[in-house]
Amino acid sequence: QVQLVESGGGLVQAGGSLRLSCVIPGRTVSRRVMAWFRQAPDKEREFVAAISCDGGKTSYADLVKGRFTISRDNAKNTVYLQMNNLKPEDTAGYYCAADRQGYCVRYSALPQTRSDYNYGGQGTQVTVSS
């Protein structure tokens, strides 16, 4: 299981913004497709966004499309999730995830299923007040 370190969560008012970061200590992020998932209390963990190894391809859940942007800086071994126009329903723990394959796969469509990824972080809590 790969270790992941998420940060950047917090409490924000509706309409506000946050930027989450994810680092894989000691490993090369560029070798994997990366994603963000989120989980609200009493709900299943759900896909938020994914990004290809080189950052050239992204995919988003319909609920966040147009508001969230996933990006990566492979030189810094970091993946980001910029969240704008946040809504109370975005309140959840946010988890970074690494492609289970362990190497760079050039998917025609980036995977969006929980079982396609490894999770190794504690997550970061995002709370949006109305």
Foldseek 3Di string as FASTA:
>chain_A
DFAKEKDWADEEAQQAKIKMKIARPPDQQLFWKKFKWWDAPPGDIFGAKIAASVRPDMDGDPVQPPFWDWGDDRVRRMIMIIGGRDDQVVWTFMFMWTAPVRGGDDDPDDDTDPVRTDTRYPTHTHGYHD
